[in-house]
C-alpha cells in the first residue's frame, strides 16, 4: 500500500492520488484491516518490500476499493484512525509482527 503505511505505516509507496482526497471511516477500516492481514501473512519486511504494482493487484483483488483510493498523504485524523486500527488488528492477530511494525 502506500509508503504512508510505513510510518503510519501506512506509508511508503507513492500513488497518484489527490492530496485533498479524503477517505471515510469504512474505507479507513478496510485499509487498516487489509494491511494488517497482509502483514500477518507475509511479515512486515516482506510486505513493505512489495512493489506498487504488486500491492495494487493484491489490494484490488482482496477489497472493493481501488488502489488509487488509498490516500497518498492522509490527514492527521485518517492517519490516526488507520494506524490505531492497524495496530489493534496486529496486536490481536499476530502480536509478533507488532514490534516489527512499530520499528519501521
C-alpha atoms as a PDB file:
ATOM      1  CA  UNK A   1       0.000   0.000   0.000  1.00  0.00           C
ATOM      2  CA  UNK A   2       1.424   3.449   0.056  1.00  0.00           C
ATOM      3  CA  UNK A   3       4.554   4.191   1.997  1.00  0.00           C
ATOM      4  CA  UNK A   4       2.250   6.073   4.316  1.00  0.00           C
ATOM      5  CA  UNK A   5       1.618   2.621   5.626  1.00  0.00           C
ATOM      6  CA  UNK A   6       5.171   2.531   6.940  1.00  0.00           C
ATOM      7  CA  UNK A   7       5.289   5.305   9.455  1.00  0.00           C
ATOM      8  CA  UNK A   8       1.630   5.293   9.659  1.00  0.00           C
ATOM      9  CA  UNK A   9       2.842   2.922   8.062  1.00  0.00           C
ATOM     10  CA  UNK A  10       0.981   3.391   6.321  1.00  0.00           C
ATOM     11  CA  UNK A  11       3.063   4.600   4.176  1.00  0.00           C
ATOM     12  CA  UNK A  12       5.918   4.184   1.752  1.00  0.00           C
ATOM     13  CA  UNK A  13       4.815   3.542  -1.749  1.00  0.00           C
ATOM     14  CA  UNK A  14       3.672   6.597  -3.624  1.00  0.00           C
ATOM     15  CA  UNK A  15       0.476   6.639  -5.604  1.00  0.00           C
ATOM     16  CA  UNK A  16      -1.007   9.228  -7.881  1.00  0.00           C
ATOM     17  CA  UNK A  17      -3.792  10.192  -5.537  1.00  0.00           C
ATOM     18  CA  UNK A  18      -5.178  13.614  -4.909  1.00  0.00           C
ATOM     19  CA  UNK A  19      -3.622  15.427  -1.971  1.00  0.00           C
ATOM     20  CA  UNK A  20      -7.034  16.551  -0.802  1.00  0.00           C
ATOM     21  CA  UNK A  21      -8.565  13.092  -1.187  1.00  0.00           C
ATOM     22  CA  UNK A  22     -10.408  12.034   1.954  1.00  0.00           C
ATOM     23  CA  UNK A  23     -11.454   8.519   2.932  1.00  0.00           C
ATOM     24  CA  UNK A  24     -14.499   7.656   5.008  1.00  0.00           C
ATOM     25  CA  UNK A  25     -14.404   5.516   8.155  1.00  0.00           C
ATOM     26  CA  UNK A  26     -15.384   2.346   6.296  1.00  0.00           C
ATOM     27  CA  UNK A  27     -12.587   2.824   3.769  1.00  0.00           C
ATOM     28  CA  UNK A  28     -10.111   3.547   6.555  1.00  0.00           C
ATOM     29  CA  UNK A  29     -11.162   0.347   8.306  1.00  0.00           C
ATOM     30  CA  UNK A  30     -10.755  -1.597   5.052  1.00  0.00           C
ATOM     31  CA  UNK A  31      -7.257  -0.183   4.542  1.00  0.00           C
ATOM     32  CA  UNK A  32      -6.220  -0.968   8.123  1.00  0.00           C
ATOM     33  CA  UNK A  33      -7.660  -4.491   8.150  1.00  0.00           C
ATOM     34  CA  UNK A  34      -6.244  -5.411   4.744  1.00  0.00           C
ATOM     35  CA  UNK A  35      -2.804  -4.082   5.632  1.00  0.00           C
ATOM     36  CA  UNK A  36      -2.786  -5.952   8.950  1.00  0.00           C
ATOM     37  CA  UNK A  37      -3.907  -9.195   7.302  1.00  0.00           C
ATOM     38  CA  UNK A  38      -1.128  -8.938   4.727  1.00  0.00           C
ATOM     39  CA  UNK A  39       1.475  -8.112   7.372  1.00  0.00           C
ATOM     40  CA  UNK A  40       0.335 -11.139   9.395  1.00  0.00           C
ATOM     41  CA  UNK A  41       0.576 -13.372   6.302  1.00  0.00           C
ATOM     42  CA  UNK A  42       3.855 -12.057   4.927  1.00  0.00           C
ATOM     43  CA  UNK A  43       5.665 -10.287   7.727  1.00  0.00           C
ATOM     44  CA  UNK A  44       6.413  -6.581   7.933  1.00  0.00           C
ATOM     45  CA  UNK A  45       9.619  -6.587   5.886  1.00  0.00           C
ATOM     46  CA  UNK A  46       8.194  -8.674   3.052  1.00  0.00           C
ATOM     47  CA  UNK A  47       5.041  -6.531   2.912  1.00  0.00           C
ATOM     48  CA  UNK A  48       6.969  -3.280   2.668  1.00  0.00           C
ATOM     49  CA  UNK A  49       9.327  -4.749   0.072  1.00  0.00           C
ATOM     50  CA  UNK A  50       6.448  -5.208  -2.394  1.00  0.00           C
ATOM     51  CA  UNK A  51       6.303  -3.009  -5.467  1.00  0.00           C
ATOM     52  CA  UNK A  52       3.313  -0.732  -6.053  1.00  0.00           C
ATOM     53  CA  UNK A  53       2.177  -2.885  -8.962  1.00  0.00           C
ATOM     54  CA  UNK A  54       2.046  -5.971  -6.709  1.00  0.00           C
ATOM     55  CA  UNK A  55       0.245  -4.066  -3.956  1.00  0.00           C
ATOM     56  CA  UNK A  56      -2.302  -2.706  -6.428  1.00  0.00           C
ATOM     57  CA  UNK A  57      -3.163  -6.171  -7.750  1.00  0.00           C
ATOM     58  CA  UNK A  58      -3.425  -7.649  -4.251  1.00  0.00           C
ATOM     59  CA  UNK A  59      -5.395  -4.738  -2.754  1.00  0.00           C
ATOM     60  CA  UNK A  60      -7.903  -4.507  -5.580  1.00  0.00           C
ATOM     61  CA  UNK A  61      -8.302  -8.292  -5.667  1.00  0.00           C
ATOM     62  CA  UNK A  62      -8.969  -8.506  -1.924  1.00  0.00           C
ATOM     63  CA  UNK A  63     -11.105  -5.403  -1.353  1.00  0.00           C
ATOM     64  CA  UNK A  64     -13.870  -3.468  -3.072  1.00  0.00           C
ATOM     65  CA  UNK A  65     -11.645  -0.370  -3.201  1.00  0.00           C
ATOM     66  CA  UNK A  66      -9.329   0.876  -5.917  1.00  0.00           C
ATOM     67  CA  UNK A  67      -5.666   1.202  -5.000  1.00  0.00           C
ATOM     68  CA  UNK A  68      -5.833   4.852  -6.051  1.00  0.00           C
ATOM     69  CA  UNK A  69      -8.491   5.420  -3.350  1.00  0.00           C
ATOM     70  CA  UNK A  70      -5.844   4.954  -0.661  1.00  0.00           C
ATOM     71  CA  UNK A  71      -4.675   8.455   0.255  1.00  0.00           C
ATOM     72  CA  UNK A  72      -1.019   9.108  -0.580  1.00  0.00           C
ATOM     73  CA  UNK A  73      -0.965  11.880   2.016  1.00  0.00           C
ATOM     74  CA  UNK A  74      -3.577  11.092   4.683  1.00  0.00           C
ATOM     75  CA  UNK A  75      -4.622  13.877   7.014  1.00  0.00           C
ATOM     76  CA  UNK A  76      -3.900  13.557  10.738  1.00  0.00           C
ATOM     77  CA  UNK A  77      -7.332  12.129  11.541  1.00  0.00           C
ATOM     78  CA  UNK A  78      -7.112   9.491   8.792  1.00  0.00           C
ATOM     79  CA  UNK A  79      -3.561   8.580   9.808  1.00  0.00           C
ATOM     80  CA  UNK A  80      -4.511   8.233  13.473  1.00  0.00           C
ATOM     81  CA  UNK A  81      -7.616   6.139  12.768  1.00  0.00           C
ATOM     82  CA  UNK A  82      -5.926   3.795  10.299  1.00  0.00           C
ATOM     83  CA  UNK A  83      -2.804   3.410  12.424  1.00  0.00           C
ATOM     84  CA  UNK A  84      -4.838   2.726  15.571  1.00  0.00           C
ATOM     85  CA  UNK A  85      -6.973   0.097  13.859  1.00  0.00           C
ATOM     86  CA  UNK A  86      -3.969  -1.459  12.141  1.00  0.00           C
ATOM     87  CA  UNK A  87      -2.074  -1.786  15.417  1.00  0.00           C
ATOM     88  CA  UNK A  88      -5.165  -3.221  17.113  1.00  0.00           C
ATOM     89  CA  UNK A  89      -5.501  -5.868  14.409  1.00  0.00           C
ATOM     90  CA  UNK A  90      -1.817  -6.738  14.630  1.00  0.00           C
ATOM     91  CA  UNK A  91      -1.991  -6.984  18.417  1.00  0.00           C
ATOM     92  CA  UNK A  92      -4.946  -9.366  18.214  1.00  0.00           C
ATOM     93  CA  UNK A  93      -3.977 -11.453  15.178  1.00  0.00           C
ATOM     94  CA  UNK A  94      -0.186 -11.563  15.079  1.00  0.00           C
ATOM     95  CA  UNK A  95       1.413  -9.772  18.016  1.00  0.00           C
ATOM     96  CA  UNK A  96       4.861 -10.953  16.927  1.00  0.00           C
ATOM     97  CA  UNK A  97       4.610  -8.567  13.947  1.00  0.00           C
ATOM     98  CA  UNK A  98       3.538  -5.583  16.051  1.00  0.00           C
ATOM     99  CA  UNK A  99       7.057  -4.788  17.285  1.00  0.00           C
ATOM    100  CA  UNK A 100       8.452  -5.083  13.774  1.00  0.00           C
ATOM    101  CA  UNK A 101       5.755  -2.726  12.545  1.00  0.00           C
ATOM    102  CA  UNK A 102       6.433  -0.200  15.314  1.00  0.00           C
ATOM    103  CA  UNK A 103      10.149  -0.252  14.499  1.00  0.00           C
ATOM    104  CA  UNK A 104       9.709   0.572  10.792  1.00  0.00           C
END
